[in-house]
Amino acid sequence: MKFSRSIVLAVALIFAWATVGFAAHSAEICQKRIESFNYLVDYSGSMMMNFPSVGKTKMAVAKEVIKRVNDMVPELGYQGGLYTFAPYGAVVNQGPWVRSTLAAGVDSLKDNLETFARFTPMGDGIQAHNGIISQMTPRAAVILVSDGESNRGISPIDEVKAIYAANPNVCFHVISVASSPEGQATLDAIAALNACSVSVKAIDLLKSDAAVDKFVGDVFCQERVAVVEDVVVLRGVNFAFDKYDLTPEAQGILNEAARIIMEHPNMKVQLLGWTDSIGTDAYNLKLSQRRADAVKNYLVAQGVPASRMIAIGKGKSFRYDNNTEEGRYMNRRTELVFMD
């Protein structure tokens, strides 16, 4: 997707007074590696113990990490689900993956249950999941989230071997919240069974967006194709908290945007709506769509054909610091992506 440099310059100059930010940047398009995936999450007593140096239980860390990964999974029509073991159960049944549904399932997991007498039969839990695995659309991924403290039942390593023998189109990946060398060794042994496996430590995913992005790319994407997008951030087109009304300032900026778009009839535009991080993912996704729709509707009213624009709600933005009032305001924005 390209937008001519002359048009970009015109947009940047005409909107300079409105502090419009333009950036031509490389984006990556994910080509699907898998068709289906499940999280299989350790729900045993040891997961309710504190994770070293974090000040949270291992389960709380696991929940946060799964949600960070879930936020970055591309919307490519995956099948997905969320299951626990110790005890084994379905939280979100395998089916069409919906980001907000899986996030709500993660939120429903408790992270402060008792630890006493709640052992970890990891191998039994993996075996119990085999029935679901056999029904997953290949190629399939099982993302095992655990501290590796297997202390009851059959060997988890032997059980994963057996599943690989019966289901060659499945791959186990590991997110480790291990706090002991023995637990980490068990998880490393599972990851070593198949070259397809991706193994990461939860602490890395917790602290680094780049680590999350790499994990998502390695598990969900066959390859990433770089494309160039030209993005204009309309910094005057920001929104009050929990609102999608256009201010007079925003309308003035969009009047100029409409004129530029109509002067270039071969140009198509994506309108990307964003929110700050306050509130649930599901609510913010809807709010961001309303913001993108509000901009599109205004541009249509100024004479831009609706067929030349697509409004997309992107949900929460983390481009600016959500810990500050100014950063949250900047995240409540709309971006224009220009395409030939």
Protein backbone atom coordinates (compact mmCIF):
# COMPACT_ATOMS: atom_id res chain seq x y z
CA MET A 1 0.00 0.00 0.00
CA LYS A 2 1.57 3.25 -1.10
CA PHE A 3 0.64 6.89 -1.11
CA SER A 4 2.60 9.21 -3.40
CA ARG A 5 5.25 11.34 -1.74
CA SER A 6 3.83 14.52 -3.30
CA ILE A 7 0.40 13.92 -1.78
CA VAL A 8 2.01 13.09 1.56
CA LEU A 9 3.91 16.38 1.48
CA ALA A 10 0.75 18.28 0.62
CA VAL A 11 -1.12 16.71 3.50
CA ALA A 12 1.71 17.42 5.91
CA LEU A 13 2.02 21.05 4.84
CA ILE A 14 -1.69 21.85 4.76
CA PHE A 15 -2.27 20.27 8.14
CA ALA A 16 0.88 21.64 9.78
CA TRP A 17 -1.15 24.17 11.74
CA ALA A 18 -3.17 21.34 13.23
CA THR A 19 -0.07 19.45 14.42
CA VAL A 20 -0.81 16.48 12.22
CA GLY A 21 1.80 13.76 12.54
CA PHE A 22 2.77 11.90 9.38
CA ALA A 23 4.80 8.72 9.33
CA ALA A 24 5.68 6.41 6.47
CA HIS A 25 6.50 3.16 8.21
CA SER A 26 6.95 -0.50 7.50
CA ALA A 27 4.17 -2.76 8.71
CA GLU A 28 4.19 -6.54 8.71
CA ILE A 29 1.37 -8.71 7.43
CA CYS A 30 1.04 -12.12 9.07
CA GLN A 31 0.62 -15.19 6.89
CA LYS A 32 -1.13 -17.89 8.93
CA ARG A 33 1.03 -20.66 10.36
CA ILE A 34 -1.82 -22.38 12.21
CA GLU A 35 -5.58 -22.69 11.93
CA SER A 36 -6.41 -23.37 15.58
CA PHE A 37 -4.92 -22.93 19.03
CA ASN A 38 -5.69 -23.57 22.67
CA TYR A 39 -4.20 -22.32 25.88
CA LEU A 40 -3.75 -25.13 28.41
CA VAL A 41 -3.19 -23.40 31.74
CA ASP A 42 -1.84 -24.94 34.94
CA TYR A 43 -4.43 -24.20 37.66
CA SER A 44 -2.78 -26.13 40.48
CA GLY A 45 -1.82 -24.97 43.95
CA SER A 46 1.76 -24.10 43.02
CA MET A 47 0.45 -21.54 40.50
CA MET A 48 -1.10 -19.66 43.42
CA MET A 49 2.32 -19.11 44.97
CA ASN A 50 4.21 -15.85 44.49
CA PHE A 51 6.31 -15.44 41.38
CA PRO A 52 9.84 -14.35 42.34
CA SER A 53 10.63 -10.63 41.99
CA VAL A 54 7.19 -9.71 40.62
CA GLY A 55 5.05 -9.46 43.73
CA LYS A 56 2.17 -11.38 42.18
CA THR A 57 1.12 -15.00 42.12
CA LYS A 58 2.25 -17.12 39.20
CA MET A 59 -1.38 -17.36 38.13
CA ALA A 60 -1.75 -13.58 38.10
CA VAL A 61 1.37 -13.34 35.93
CA ALA A 62 0.06 -16.08 33.64
CA LYS A 63 -3.25 -14.24 33.19
CA GLU A 64 -1.55 -10.97 32.37
CA VAL A 65 0.79 -12.61 29.88
CA ILE A 66 -1.99 -14.51 28.10
CA LYS A 67 -3.93 -11.25 27.71
CA ARG A 68 -0.85 -9.48 26.33
CA VAL A 69 -0.43 -12.23 23.75
CA ASN A 70 -4.16 -12.24 23.00
CA ASP A 71 -4.04 -8.49 22.31
CA MET A 72 -1.43 -9.00 19.58
CA VAL A 73 -2.87 -12.04 17.79
CA PRO A 74 -3.88 -10.97 14.27
CA GLU A 75 -7.52 -11.39 13.30
CA LEU A 76 -7.16 -14.05 10.62
CA GLY A 77 -10.05 -16.38 11.38
CA TYR A 78 -8.34 -18.64 13.91
CA GLN A 79 -10.15 -21.22 16.02
CA GLY A 80 -9.23 -20.81 19.68
CA GLY A 81 -9.96 -21.93 23.21
CA LEU A 82 -8.87 -21.75 26.84
CA TYR A 83 -8.59 -24.76 29.13
CA THR A 84 -7.14 -25.50 32.55
CA PHE A 85 -5.67 -28.57 34.20
CA ALA A 86 -5.42 -29.43 37.91
CA PRO A 87 -8.37 -29.47 37.68
CA TYR A 88 -9.07 -30.02 34.00
CA GLY A 89 -11.86 -27.92 32.53
CA ALA A 90 -12.99 -25.73 29.65
CA VAL A 91 -13.06 -21.98 30.25
CA VAL A 92 -13.60 -20.98 26.60
CA ASN A 93 -14.54 -23.89 24.37
CA GLN A 94 -12.65 -24.43 21.13
CA GLY A 95 -14.40 -22.44 18.42
CA PRO A 96 -14.05 -19.26 16.38
CA TRP A 97 -11.55 -17.10 18.26
CA VAL A 98 -12.95 -13.78 19.49
CA ARG A 99 -10.40 -11.58 21.22
CA SER A 100 -12.82 -10.18 23.81
CA THR A 101 -14.31 -13.60 24.61
CA LEU A 102 -10.93 -15.14 25.31
CA ALA A 103 -9.90 -12.11 27.39
CA ALA A 104 -13.07 -12.47 29.47
CA GLY A 105 -12.26 -16.14 29.98
CA VAL A 106 -8.80 -15.24 31.25
CA ASP A 107 -10.30 -12.66 33.61
CA SER A 108 -12.59 -15.34 35.06
CA LEU A 109 -9.65 -17.41 36.29
CA LYS A 110 -8.89 -17.04 40.00
CA ASP A 111 -5.33 -16.20 41.01
CA ASN A 112 -5.60 -16.47 44.79
CA LEU A 113 -6.91 -19.97 45.49
CA GLU A 114 -5.56 -22.21 48.24
CA THR A 115 -2.26 -23.95 47.67
CA PHE A 116 -2.62 -26.74 50.25
CA ALA A 117 -3.22 -30.23 48.83
CA ARG A 118 -3.74 -28.92 45.29
CA PHE A 119 -1.16 -31.00 43.44
CA THR A 120 -0.04 -30.82 39.81
CA PRO A 121 -0.84 -33.92 37.71
CA MET A 122 0.44 -32.24 34.55
CA GLY A 123 0.63 -35.41 32.49
CA ASP A 124 -2.93 -36.33 33.39
CA GLY A 125 -4.08 -32.84 32.41
CA ILE A 126 -2.39 -33.07 29.03
CA GLN A 127 -3.89 -36.50 28.51
CA ALA A 128 -7.37 -35.16 29.37
CA HIS A 129 -6.89 -32.48 26.71
CA ASN A 130 -6.10 -35.03 24.01
CA GLY A 131 -9.75 -35.39 23.07
CA ILE A 132 -9.92 -31.67 22.25
CA ILE A 133 -6.59 -31.78 20.43
CA SER A 134 -7.83 -34.55 18.15
CA GLN A 135 -10.74 -32.32 17.09
CA MET A 136 -8.70 -29.16 16.44
CA THR A 137 -8.37 -27.94 12.87
CA PRO A 138 -4.82 -28.63 11.68
CA ARG A 139 -2.36 -27.14 11.87
CA ALA A 140 -2.95 -26.70 15.56
CA ALA A 141 -1.07 -25.19 18.50
CA VAL A 142 -1.36 -25.96 22.19
CA ILE A 143 0.15 -23.21 24.33
CA LEU A 144 1.08 -24.75 27.67
CA VAL A 145 1.24 -22.18 30.49
CA SER A 146 2.76 -23.73 33.60
CA ASP A 147 5.45 -23.64 36.26
CA GLY A 148 6.42 -27.23 35.39
CA GLU A 149 5.87 -28.52 38.93
CA SER A 150 4.54 -31.93 37.91
CA ASN A 151 4.22 -33.97 41.10
CA ARG A 152 1.41 -36.47 40.51
CA GLY A 153 0.28 -38.92 37.85
CA ILE A 154 1.78 -39.83 34.50
CA SER A 155 4.80 -38.18 32.92
CA PRO A 156 3.89 -35.02 31.00
CA ILE A 157 6.87 -35.57 28.70
CA ASP A 158 5.71 -39.09 27.80
CA GLU A 159 2.15 -37.85 27.26
CA VAL A 160 3.24 -35.10 24.85
CA LYS A 161 5.31 -37.72 22.98
CA ALA A 162 2.20 -39.88 22.64
CA ILE A 163 0.14 -36.95 21.35
CA TYR A 164 2.78 -36.12 18.76
CA ALA A 165 2.72 -39.74 17.59
CA ALA A 166 -1.07 -39.63 17.17
CA ASN A 167 -1.39 -36.01 15.97
CA PRO A 168 1.52 -34.93 13.76
CA ASN A 169 -0.21 -31.66 12.88
CA VAL A 170 -0.20 -30.31 16.43
CA CYS A 171 2.61 -28.41 18.13
CA PHE A 172 3.10 -27.67 21.83
CA HIS A 173 4.47 -24.28 22.82
CA VAL A 174 5.53 -23.28 26.32
CA ILE A 175 5.07 -20.14 28.40
CA SER A 176 7.04 -20.78 31.56
CA VAL A 177 6.27 -19.36 34.98
CA ALA A 178 8.73 -21.80 36.56
CA SER A 179 10.31 -20.80 39.85
CA SER A 180 12.51 -23.86 40.28
CA PRO A 181 15.19 -25.51 38.13
CA GLU A 182 13.22 -28.77 38.22
CA GLY A 183 10.06 -27.14 36.90
CA GLN A 184 11.95 -25.35 34.15
CA ALA A 185 13.69 -28.61 33.20
CA THR A 186 10.31 -30.31 32.70
CA LEU A 187 9.09 -27.53 30.46
CA ASP A 188 12.37 -27.47 28.52
CA ALA A 189 12.07 -31.22 27.95
CA ILE A 190 8.55 -30.80 26.54
CA ALA A 191 9.73 -28.01 24.22
CA ALA A 192 12.67 -30.12 23.07
CA LEU A 193 10.42 -32.91 21.80
CA ASN A 194 9.61 -31.10 18.55
CA ALA A 195 11.51 -28.50 16.54
CA CYS A 196 8.23 -26.64 15.96
CA SER A 197 7.95 -25.66 19.63
CA VAL A 198 8.43 -22.11 20.85
CA SER A 199 9.44 -21.76 24.49
CA VAL A 200 9.45 -18.44 26.34
CA LYS A 201 9.56 -17.23 29.91
CA ALA A 202 6.53 -15.36 31.18
CA ILE A 203 8.66 -12.66 32.76
CA ASP A 204 10.00 -11.72 29.31
CA LEU A 205 6.50 -11.46 27.86
CA LEU A 206 5.43 -9.45 30.89
CA LYS A 207 8.16 -6.85 30.48
CA SER A 208 8.68 -6.60 26.73
CA ASP A 209 6.23 -5.78 23.93
CA ALA A 210 8.91 -6.92 21.47
CA ALA A 211 9.03 -10.34 23.14
CA VAL A 212 5.24 -10.66 22.86
CA ASP A 213 5.36 -9.62 19.22
CA LYS A 214 8.06 -12.21 18.50
CA PHE A 215 6.15 -14.97 20.29
CA VAL A 216 2.97 -14.18 18.36
CA GLY A 217 4.91 -14.10 15.11
CA ASP A 218 6.66 -17.41 15.81
CA VAL A 219 3.52 -19.26 16.90
CA PHE A 220 0.77 -17.76 14.75
CA CYS A 221 2.54 -16.57 11.60
CA GLN A 222 4.21 -18.59 8.87
CA GLU A 223 6.00 -15.47 7.71
CA ARG A 224 5.54 -11.74 7.86
CA VAL A 225 5.49 -9.73 4.67
CA ALA A 226 6.62 -6.13 5.01
CA VAL A 227 4.45 -3.46 3.42
CA VAL A 228 4.73 0.31 3.54
CA GLU A 229 1.86 2.32 4.93
CA ASP A 230 1.51 6.08 5.03
CA VAL A 231 -0.20 7.16 8.21
CA VAL A 232 -1.44 10.61 9.15
CA VAL A 233 -2.17 10.98 12.86
CA LEU A 234 -4.76 13.74 13.19
CA ARG A 235 -3.69 15.03 16.56
CA GLY A 236 -6.54 17.50 16.73
CA VAL A 237 -9.01 14.69 16.16
CA ASN A 238 -8.90 13.37 19.70
CA PHE A 239 -11.79 12.48 21.93
CA ALA A 240 -12.91 13.11 25.48
CA PHE A 241 -12.92 10.12 27.80
CA ASP A 242 -15.64 7.61 26.88
CA LYS A 243 -16.88 9.89 24.04
CA TYR A 244 -16.94 9.74 20.27
CA ASP A 245 -18.23 13.27 19.53
CA LEU A 246 -16.23 15.40 17.12
CA THR A 247 -15.16 18.76 18.53
CA PRO A 248 -15.22 21.95 16.40
CA GLU A 249 -11.42 21.70 16.22
CA ALA A 250 -11.67 18.15 14.91
CA GLN A 251 -14.28 19.16 12.34
CA GLY A 252 -11.99 21.90 11.02
CA ILE A 253 -9.15 19.44 10.56
CA LEU A 254 -11.45 16.92 8.88
CA ASN A 255 -12.70 19.59 6.48
CA GLU A 256 -9.14 19.90 5.21
CA ALA A 257 -8.77 16.12 5.12
CA ALA A 258 -11.93 15.82 3.04
CA ARG A 259 -10.63 18.37 0.53
CA ILE A 260 -7.33 16.54 0.10
CA ILE A 261 -9.05 13.15 -0.30
CA MET A 262 -11.49 14.47 -2.92
CA GLU A 263 -8.64 16.08 -4.90
CA HIS A 264 -7.12 12.62 -5.35
CA PRO A 265 -9.93 10.35 -6.58
CA ASN A 266 -7.76 7.22 -6.81
CA MET A 267 -6.87 7.34 -3.13
CA LYS A 268 -8.58 5.08 -0.58
CA VAL A 269 -8.40 5.67 3.15
CA GLN A 270 -8.54 3.51 6.23
CA LEU A 271 -9.83 5.34 9.31
CA LEU A 272 -8.42 3.74 12.46
CA GLY A 273 -10.11 4.53 15.76
CA TRP A 274 -8.28 4.07 19.08
CA THR A 275 -8.96 4.37 22.81
CA ASP A 276 -6.87 4.66 25.94
CA SER A 277 -6.37 1.64 28.19
CA ILE A 278 -9.11 2.35 30.75
CA GLY A 279 -11.96 -0.16 30.67
CA THR A 280 -12.44 -3.62 29.24
CA ASP A 281 -11.09 -4.75 25.89
CA ALA A 282 -14.59 -5.51 24.59
CA TYR A 283 -15.98 -2.09 25.53
CA ASN A 284 -12.99 -0.23 24.10
CA LEU A 285 -13.16 -2.15 20.84
CA LYS A 286 -16.75 -0.97 20.36
CA LEU A 287 -15.89 2.58 21.42
CA SER A 288 -12.97 2.74 19.00
CA GLN A 289 -15.28 1.60 16.19
CA ARG A 290 -17.74 4.38 17.05
CA ARG A 291 -14.89 6.90 16.85
CA ALA A 292 -13.77 5.64 13.45
CA ASP A 293 -17.40 5.66 12.28
CA ALA A 294 -17.86 9.23 13.53
CA VAL A 295 -14.92 10.41 11.43
CA LYS A 296 -16.14 8.49 8.37
CA ASN A 297 -19.66 9.85 8.70
CA TYR A 298 -18.35 13.39 8.94
CA LEU A 299 -16.15 12.97 5.87
CA VAL A 300 -19.10 11.51 3.96
CA ALA A 301 -21.11 14.59 4.94
CA GLN A 302 -18.33 16.70 3.43
CA GLY A 303 -18.67 14.87 0.11
CA VAL A 304 -16.14 12.03 0.36
CA PRO A 305 -17.70 8.85 -1.11
CA ALA A 306 -18.22 6.22 1.57
CA SER A 307 -16.90 3.59 -0.85
CA ARG A 308 -13.45 5.13 -0.65
CA MET A 309 -13.19 4.74 3.12
CA ILE A 310 -13.23 1.92 5.62
CA ALA A 311 -13.63 2.59 9.34
CA ILE A 312 -11.89 0.15 11.68
CA GLY A 313 -11.99 0.18 15.47
CA LYS A 314 -8.63 -0.99 16.81
CA GLY A 315 -9.39 -0.91 20.55
CA LYS A 316 -6.81 0.10 23.12
CA SER A 317 -3.72 2.04 22.12
CA PHE A 318 -0.41 1.96 23.96
CA ARG A 319 1.52 4.30 21.64
CA TYR A 320 1.45 7.02 24.29
CA ASP A 321 1.80 6.62 28.05
CA ASN A 322 -1.54 5.58 29.52
CA ASN A 323 -0.26 6.45 33.00
CA THR A 324 -0.56 10.18 32.24
CA GLU A 325 -3.60 12.28 31.38
CA GLU A 326 -1.88 13.67 28.30
CA GLY A 327 -0.85 10.21 27.11
CA ARG A 328 -4.38 8.85 27.51
CA TYR A 329 -5.72 11.84 25.57
CA MET A 330 -3.28 11.21 22.73
CA ASN A 331 -4.27 7.55 22.61
CA ARG A 332 -7.93 8.55 22.13
CA ARG A 333 -7.31 9.40 18.49
CA THR A 334 -8.05 8.61 14.87
CA GLU A 335 -5.44 7.78 12.25
CA LEU A 336 -5.78 7.95 8.46
CA VAL A 337 -3.95 5.30 6.46
CA PHE A 338 -3.72 6.32 2.79
CA MET A 339 -3.63 3.65 0.09
CA ASP A 340 -3.49 3.65 -3.68
